[in-house]
Protein backbone atom coordinates (compact mmCIF):
# COMPACT_ATOMS: atom_id res chain seq x y z
CA UNK A 1 -26.00 5.47 -35.29
CA UNK A 2 -29.19 3.65 -34.71
CA UNK A 3 -31.80 4.76 -32.26
CA UNK A 4 -31.20 1.65 -30.10
CA UNK A 5 -27.42 2.34 -29.98
CA UNK A 6 -28.15 5.99 -29.02
CA UNK A 7 -30.47 4.91 -26.23
CA UNK A 8 -27.87 2.44 -24.96
CA UNK A 9 -25.12 5.00 -24.79
CA UNK A 10 -27.42 7.42 -23.03
CA UNK A 11 -28.48 4.96 -20.24
CA UNK A 12 -24.96 3.78 -19.88
CA UNK A 13 -23.87 7.38 -19.26
CA UNK A 14 -26.66 7.83 -16.69
CA UNK A 15 -25.57 4.61 -14.87
CA UNK A 16 -21.96 5.88 -14.69
CA UNK A 17 -23.00 9.23 -13.32
CA UNK A 18 -25.24 7.56 -10.69
CA UNK A 19 -22.37 5.28 -9.71
CA UNK A 20 -19.99 8.30 -9.33
CA UNK A 21 -22.58 10.13 -7.18
CA UNK A 22 -23.05 7.12 -4.96
CA UNK A 23 -19.33 6.57 -4.64
CA UNK A 24 -18.87 10.25 -3.69
CA UNK A 25 -21.64 10.03 -1.05
CA UNK A 26 -20.20 6.84 0.41
CA UNK A 27 -16.75 8.39 0.68
CA UNK A 28 -18.18 11.55 2.34
CA UNK A 29 -20.16 9.48 4.87
CA UNK A 30 -17.01 7.59 5.83
CA UNK A 31 -15.62 10.89 7.25
CA UNK A 32 -18.54 11.43 9.60
CA UNK A 33 -17.02 9.42 12.58
CA UNK A 34 -13.80 11.41 12.23
CA UNK A 35 -15.72 14.66 12.16
CA UNK A 36 -17.65 13.54 15.26
CA UNK A 37 -14.36 12.87 17.12
CA UNK A 38 -12.98 16.23 16.09
CA UNK A 39 -16.16 17.95 17.16
CA UNK A 40 -16.12 16.30 20.56
CA UNK A 41 -12.46 17.40 20.97
CA UNK A 42 -13.25 20.88 20.00
CA UNK A 43 -16.12 21.10 22.45
CA UNK A 44 -14.06 19.52 25.24
CA UNK A 45 -11.40 22.21 24.56
CA UNK A 46 -14.08 24.94 25.15
CA UNK A 47 -15.43 23.32 28.17
CA UNK A 48 -12.05 22.66 29.89
CA UNK A 49 -10.15 25.80 28.88
CA UNK A 50 -12.91 28.42 28.95
CA UNK A 51 -15.58 27.07 31.23
CA UNK A 52 -13.32 25.38 33.72
CA UNK A 53 -9.90 27.01 33.70
CA UNK A 54 -10.91 30.63 33.19
CA UNK A 55 -14.36 30.90 34.45
CA UNK A 56 -14.33 28.31 37.47
CA UNK A 57 -10.73 27.96 38.69
CA UNK A 58 -9.81 31.03 40.82
CA UNK A 59 -6.20 30.16 41.63
CA UNK A 60 -3.75 31.48 39.00
CA UNK A 61 -1.12 28.83 39.80
CA UNK A 62 -3.64 26.00 39.50
CA UNK A 63 -4.95 27.41 36.28
CA UNK A 64 -1.50 27.46 34.79
CA UNK A 65 -0.86 23.88 35.81
CA UNK A 66 -4.22 22.76 34.48
CA UNK A 67 -3.60 24.42 31.10
CA UNK A 68 0.03 23.35 30.75
CA UNK A 69 -0.52 19.66 31.27
CA UNK A 70 -3.75 19.73 29.27
CA UNK A 71 -2.21 21.22 26.19
CA UNK A 72 0.84 18.87 26.23
CA UNK A 73 -1.53 15.85 26.28
CA UNK A 74 -3.84 17.42 23.69
CA UNK A 75 -0.93 18.01 21.33
CA UNK A 76 0.27 14.42 21.59
CA UNK A 77 -3.32 13.15 21.25
CA UNK A 78 -4.09 15.25 18.14
CA UNK A 79 -0.67 14.38 16.52
CA UNK A 80 -1.18 10.69 17.04
CA UNK A 81 -4.69 10.87 15.71
CA UNK A 82 -3.60 12.82 12.62
CA UNK A 83 -0.87 10.24 11.93
CA UNK A 84 -3.31 7.40 12.32
CA UNK A 85 -5.90 9.01 9.97
CA UNK A 86 -3.65 10.30 7.19
CA UNK A 87 -0.83 7.73 7.01
CA UNK A 88 -1.05 5.84 3.65
CA UNK A 89 -1.90 2.19 4.08
CA UNK A 90 0.88 -0.31 3.45
CA UNK A 91 0.19 -1.64 -0.08
CA UNK A 92 1.55 -4.82 -1.49
CA UNK A 93 4.46 -4.31 -3.91
CA UNK A 94 4.02 -5.10 -7.60
CA UNK A 95 6.37 -8.13 -7.37
CA UNK A 96 3.63 -10.02 -5.57
CA UNK A 97 1.22 -9.56 -8.41
CA UNK A 98 0.66 -12.68 -10.46
CA UNK A 99 1.48 -12.23 -14.22
CA UNK A 100 -1.18 -12.41 -16.79
CA UNK A 101 0.22 -15.70 -18.21
CA UNK A 102 -0.10 -17.34 -14.81
CA UNK A 103 -3.59 -15.99 -14.31
CA UNK A 104 -4.63 -17.55 -17.57
CA UNK A 105 -3.18 -20.82 -16.45
CA UNK A 106 -5.06 -20.63 -13.20
CA UNK A 107 -8.36 -20.07 -15.06
CA UNK A 108 -7.67 -23.07 -17.33
CA UNK A 109 -6.61 -25.25 -14.40
CA UNK A 110 -8.87 -28.33 -14.15
CA UNK A 111 -8.42 -29.01 -10.45
CA UNK A 112 -7.32 -27.47 -7.11
CA UNK A 113 -3.99 -29.28 -7.09
CA UNK A 114 -2.97 -27.78 -10.45
CA UNK A 115 -3.84 -24.32 -9.21
CA UNK A 116 -1.74 -24.88 -6.04
CA UNK A 117 1.20 -25.90 -8.11
CA UNK A 118 0.89 -22.74 -10.32
CA UNK A 119 0.82 -20.46 -7.27
CA UNK A 120 3.61 -22.27 -5.49
CA UNK A 121 5.83 -21.96 -8.60
CA UNK A 122 5.27 -18.20 -8.68
CA UNK A 123 5.67 -17.69 -4.95
CA UNK A 124 8.94 -19.79 -4.75
CA UNK A 125 11.04 -16.60 -4.83
CA UNK A 126 8.75 -14.50 -2.58
CA UNK A 127 9.28 -14.35 1.20
CA UNK A 128 6.01 -16.03 2.22
CA UNK A 129 5.72 -18.83 4.87
CA UNK A 130 1.90 -18.83 5.67
CA UNK A 131 -0.60 -20.89 3.83
CA UNK A 132 -4.38 -21.38 3.56
CA UNK A 133 -6.44 -24.20 5.20
CA UNK A 134 -5.74 -26.39 2.20
CA UNK A 135 -1.91 -25.74 2.39
CA UNK A 136 -2.03 -23.43 -0.62
CA UNK A 137 -0.29 -20.09 -1.11
CA UNK A 138 -2.55 -17.25 -0.01
CA UNK A 139 -3.91 -15.75 -3.21
CA UNK A 140 -6.23 -12.71 -3.41
CA UNK A 141 -8.66 -13.12 -6.36
CA UNK A 142 -9.70 -9.46 -6.19
CA UNK A 143 -6.26 -7.97 -6.33
CA UNK A 144 -4.78 -10.98 -8.23
CA UNK A 145 -1.74 -11.19 -6.12
CA UNK A 146 0.13 -13.40 -3.63
CA UNK A 147 -0.54 -12.12 -0.13
CA UNK A 148 2.59 -11.41 1.88
CA UNK A 149 2.63 -12.95 5.37
CA UNK A 150 0.12 -11.22 7.72
CA UNK A 151 -1.37 -9.27 4.73
CA UNK A 152 -5.16 -9.38 4.17
CA UNK A 153 -7.66 -7.89 1.80
CA UNK A 154 -9.71 -4.93 3.21
CA UNK A 155 -13.20 -4.93 1.84
CA UNK A 156 -13.68 -1.22 2.68
CA UNK A 157 -10.50 0.03 1.10
CA UNK A 158 -10.70 -2.53 -1.72
CA UNK A 159 -6.93 -3.49 -1.58
CA UNK A 160 -4.69 -5.89 0.14
CA UNK A 161 -2.99 -4.30 3.12
CA UNK A 162 0.33 -5.16 4.72
CA UNK A 163 -0.09 -6.58 8.32
CA UNK A 164 -3.72 -5.65 8.44
CA UNK A 165 -5.07 -5.39 11.97
CA UNK A 166 -8.61 -4.14 11.20
CA UNK A 167 -10.38 -1.27 9.42
CA UNK A 168 -11.35 1.39 11.91
CA UNK A 169 -14.24 3.73 11.07
CA UNK A 170 -13.20 6.23 13.70
CA UNK A 171 -10.05 7.00 11.84
CA UNK A 172 -11.49 6.19 8.33
CA UNK A 173 -8.34 4.12 7.62
CA UNK A 174 -6.93 0.69 7.87
CA UNK A 175 -4.91 -0.06 11.08
CA UNK A 176 -1.97 -1.82 9.50
CA UNK A 177 1.82 -2.05 9.47
CA UNK A 178 2.35 1.60 8.52
CA UNK A 179 0.20 3.26 11.21
CA UNK A 180 -0.11 0.59 14.02
CA UNK A 181 2.26 2.48 16.34
CA UNK A 182 0.33 5.63 15.70
CA UNK A 183 -2.94 3.89 16.57
CA UNK A 184 -1.56 2.54 19.88
CA UNK A 185 -0.28 5.94 20.83
CA UNK A 186 -3.65 7.50 19.78
CA UNK A 187 -5.49 5.18 22.15
CA UNK A 188 -3.06 5.77 24.93
CA UNK A 189 -3.07 9.58 24.74
CA UNK A 190 -6.83 9.53 24.25
CA UNK A 191 -7.11 7.55 27.53
CA UNK A 192 -4.84 9.99 29.34
CA UNK A 193 -6.70 12.87 27.94
CA UNK A 194 -10.09 11.61 29.26
CA UNK A 195 -8.68 10.50 32.60
CA UNK A 196 -7.06 13.91 33.16
CA UNK A 197 -10.28 15.74 32.38
CA UNK A 198 -12.28 13.45 34.60
CA UNK A 199 -9.91 13.83 37.65
CA UNK A 200 -9.64 17.63 37.26
CA UNK A 201 -13.31 18.24 36.95
CA UNK A 202 -14.47 15.84 39.66
CA UNK A 203 -13.42 18.29 42.42
CA UNK A 204 -15.97 20.78 41.01
CA UNK A 205 -18.84 18.30 40.51
CA UNK A 206 -20.12 18.80 44.10
CA UNK A 207 -20.08 22.61 43.75
CA UNK A 208 -21.99 22.45 40.41
CA UNK A 209 -24.35 19.72 41.70
CA UNK A 210 -25.26 21.67 44.89
CA UNK A 211 -25.80 24.87 42.99
CA UNK A 212 -22.86 26.75 44.53
CA UNK A 213 -21.61 27.41 41.00
CA UNK A 214 -24.14 28.49 38.48
CA UNK A 215 -24.29 28.02 34.70
CA UNK A 216 -21.57 25.34 34.42
CA UNK A 217 -23.43 22.70 32.65
CA UNK A 218 -20.56 22.21 30.19
CA UNK A 219 -18.24 21.04 33.00
CA UNK A 220 -20.98 18.62 34.23
CA UNK A 221 -21.29 17.10 30.82
CA UNK A 222 -17.53 17.16 30.27
CA UNK A 223 -17.07 14.92 33.33
CA UNK A 224 -19.67 12.32 32.22
CA UNK A 225 -18.47 12.28 28.64
CA UNK A 226 -14.77 11.92 29.68
CA UNK A 227 -15.68 9.00 32.00
CA UNK A 228 -17.75 7.36 29.35
CA UNK A 229 -14.92 7.48 26.80
CA UNK A 230 -12.35 6.46 29.30
CA UNK A 231 -14.29 3.34 30.15
CA UNK A 232 -14.35 2.24 26.49
CA UNK A 233 -10.75 3.23 25.76
CA UNK A 234 -9.25 1.41 28.79
CA UNK A 235 -10.44 -1.91 27.43
CA UNK A 236 -9.43 -1.21 23.84
CA UNK A 237 -6.04 0.17 24.74
CA UNK A 238 -5.34 -2.71 27.10
CA UNK A 239 -6.30 -5.26 24.48
CA UNK A 240 -3.94 -3.80 21.84
CA UNK A 241 -1.08 -3.58 24.36
CA UNK A 242 -1.73 -7.31 24.96
CA UNK A 243 -1.61 -7.97 21.23
CA UNK A 244 1.62 -5.95 20.81
CA UNK A 245 3.37 -8.00 23.55
CA UNK A 246 2.26 -11.25 21.74
CA UNK A 247 3.13 -9.92 18.27
CA UNK A 248 -0.35 -10.67 17.11
CA UNK A 249 -2.93 -8.76 15.15
CA UNK A 250 -6.62 -8.58 15.83
CA UNK A 251 -7.27 -10.71 12.68
CA UNK A 252 -4.66 -13.32 13.89
CA UNK A 253 -6.24 -13.49 17.32
CA UNK A 254 -9.56 -14.70 15.66
CA UNK A 255 -8.00 -16.44 12.65
CA UNK A 256 -4.89 -18.35 13.56
CA UNK A 257 -2.13 -17.99 10.93
CA UNK A 258 -1.24 -21.27 9.21
CA UNK A 259 2.52 -21.89 8.39
CA UNK A 260 3.85 -23.98 5.63
CA UNK A 261 5.88 -25.91 8.21
CA UNK A 262 4.29 -26.43 11.65
CA UNK A 263 0.66 -25.70 10.72
CA UNK A 264 -1.62 -23.28 12.70
CA UNK A 265 0.14 -21.29 15.40
CA UNK A 266 -1.10 -18.11 17.07
CA UNK A 267 2.39 -17.51 18.45
CA UNK A 268 4.33 -18.16 15.29
CA UNK A 269 5.46 -14.52 14.97
CA UNK A 270 6.16 -14.05 18.73
CA UNK A 271 9.77 -13.39 19.64
CA UNK A 272 9.34 -12.54 23.34
CA UNK A 273 7.74 -9.46 24.90
CA UNK A 274 10.63 -7.10 24.55
CA UNK A 275 11.33 -7.98 20.91
CA UNK A 276 7.66 -7.94 20.05
CA UNK A 277 7.34 -4.47 21.52
CA UNK A 278 10.41 -3.23 19.56
CA UNK A 279 9.02 -4.59 16.34
CA UNK A 280 6.20 -2.06 16.56
CA UNK A 281 7.86 0.82 18.44
CA UNK A 282 11.42 0.42 17.19
CA UNK A 283 14.82 0.16 18.96
CA UNK A 284 15.25 3.87 19.80
CA UNK A 285 13.71 4.46 23.27
CA UNK A 286 13.70 8.21 22.78
CA UNK A 287 11.07 7.94 20.07
CA UNK A 288 8.78 5.28 21.48
CA UNK A 289 6.14 7.71 22.68
CA UNK A 290 6.28 10.02 19.80
CA UNK A 291 4.07 9.41 16.71
CA UNK A 292 6.90 9.18 14.26
CA UNK A 293 7.71 6.07 12.18
CA UNK A 294 10.14 3.73 14.10
CA UNK A 295 8.69 0.27 13.39
CA UNK A 296 11.15 -2.42 12.25
CA UNK A 297 11.00 -4.12 8.91
CA UNK A 298 9.11 -3.53 5.71
CA UNK A 299 5.76 -5.14 6.45
CA UNK A 300 6.56 -8.19 4.32
CA UNK A 301 9.46 -10.00 6.20
CA UNK A 302 8.69 -10.97 9.76
CA UNK A 303 10.84 -12.86 12.31
CA UNK A 304 9.24 -16.26 12.80
CA UNK A 305 9.49 -19.18 15.26
CA UNK A 306 12.20 -21.65 14.13
CA UNK A 307 10.06 -24.73 13.68
CA UNK A 308 8.07 -22.91 11.00
CA UNK A 309 11.15 -22.35 8.72
CA UNK A 310 13.69 -24.88 9.78
CA UNK A 311 12.63 -27.34 7.11
CA UNK A 312 13.64 -24.92 4.40
CA UNK A 313 17.18 -25.80 5.07
CA UNK A 314 16.40 -29.44 4.22
CA UNK A 315 15.02 -28.67 0.71
CA UNK A 316 17.41 -29.76 -1.96
CA UNK A 317 16.40 -27.13 -4.52
CA UNK A 318 19.74 -25.37 -4.37
CA UNK A 319 23.01 -25.31 -2.33
CA UNK A 320 22.48 -23.75 1.10
CA UNK A 321 24.46 -20.55 1.84
CA UNK A 322 25.55 -20.11 5.46
CA UNK A 323 27.25 -17.39 7.42
CA UNK A 324 28.97 -18.08 10.77
CA UNK A 325 28.26 -15.08 12.93
CA UNK A 326 28.26 -16.18 16.67
CA UNK A 327 24.82 -17.31 17.46
CA UNK A 328 23.37 -16.60 13.98
CA UNK A 329 23.56 -18.24 10.54
CA UNK A 330 22.16 -17.15 7.21
CA UNK A 331 20.20 -19.82 5.33
CA UNK A 332 18.25 -19.41 2.07
CA UNK A 333 17.32 -15.75 2.73
CA UNK A 334 16.74 -16.24 6.43
CA UNK A 335 18.75 -15.41 9.65
CA UNK A 336 18.80 -18.47 11.98
CA UNK A 337 19.33 -17.45 15.57
CA UNK A 338 20.56 -20.73 17.10
CA UNK A 339 20.77 -19.39 20.62
CA UNK A 340 17.02 -18.69 20.97
CA UNK A 341 15.69 -21.02 18.35
CA UNK A 342 14.27 -18.22 16.20
CA UNK A 343 14.45 -18.07 12.44
CA UNK A 344 13.74 -14.67 10.99
CA UNK A 345 13.74 -13.14 7.52
CA UNK A 346 16.28 -10.31 7.42
CA UNK A 347 16.37 -7.57 8.61
CA UNK A 348 16.08 -7.83 12.41
CA UNK A 349 16.54 -4.14 13.28
CA UNK A 350 15.77 -0.83 11.53
CA UNK A 351 19.50 -0.32 10.86
CA UNK A 352 19.77 -3.76 9.34
CA UNK A 353 16.67 -3.13 7.16
CA UNK A 354 18.24 0.11 5.85
CA UNK A 355 21.49 -1.73 5.01
CA UNK A 356 19.52 -4.61 3.46
CA UNK A 357 17.54 -2.21 1.25
CA UNK A 358 20.60 -0.35 0.21
CA UNK A 359 22.50 -3.49 -0.57
CA UNK A 360 25.32 -2.69 1.87
CA UNK A 361 25.26 -5.97 3.63
CA UNK A 362 28.69 -7.60 3.32
CA UNK A 363 28.74 -10.97 1.71
CA UNK A 364 32.34 -11.75 2.15
CA UNK A 365 31.78 -14.26 4.84
CA UNK A 366 29.22 -16.25 2.94
CA UNK A 367 30.38 -19.76 1.98
CA UNK A 368 28.43 -22.40 0.08
CA UNK A 369 28.20 -25.99 1.15
CA UNK A 370 26.20 -29.04 0.17
């Protein structure tokens, strides 16, 4: 090997090692906000349980009530936070990845219209109804795949994420289809946690402020910290409750989704407040306020307003299959609810989704017509 070749390999190895060290440092720094939150929770536990409940509260009955409700809220708070942080992000399945042959054709394409036709041809069998500003199928150049409806590329995680809401540094994770319910519960229980601490400590603020109780600076700081966090949480929690009821993500509130039929529409995925809420929290009321997975669907198929899909029935690509089931009909892979003018990709409930995945949906009633 020549001296030049040896020097090249040496410097290349150094560059790889530097990149690895930089990547490791960046990944470690991303956990600092999470460690900060955990540290604040740990300190608040000491201040409330030890300083307030044991050293300040004199009534045994009041102390028991304080600690009982506090630990219930704390467990739900930490459980929701854990689920939000450590739930894997919803990744786009491999069937949305554009094959190598089509990628080569995209590169060789001489104009934008030719590229659109290539992507449309590949996406024909995929359940996508949203488009870009130029009416093209949404394609991610970094991940080299067709983006499912409501999916977006996260620059922090470096992948396309199903129903991406935003990337939150306080949980070091993407808020997306797989953990959005946990995130809402985390905000709600965090707000209850802060408000409970603020209201239980405010009665002792006068005693501490006037010096009737000495050495209780932890309680004083606990009150102000809880109020500060509560003020910031109430607006954030309220905003996301508003988004849930509208069936809208943070990204969609700033960047209106564009549909193949009907064009831009912020309310294109809205089915009504109750149905919107159930899409995130599920149809089992007993599990709504527990951080366990109950969201409906698979993160790729979403019920949609009828005028964004109704034109699919008019396409002459193939015979249209229909099912007469009361107020619903099945048309080219979609369920048309004629009573409320909603067209939705199956499934509509968690039970339907499980049947759909397992292939147990009955097709006996399906009839073809021209």
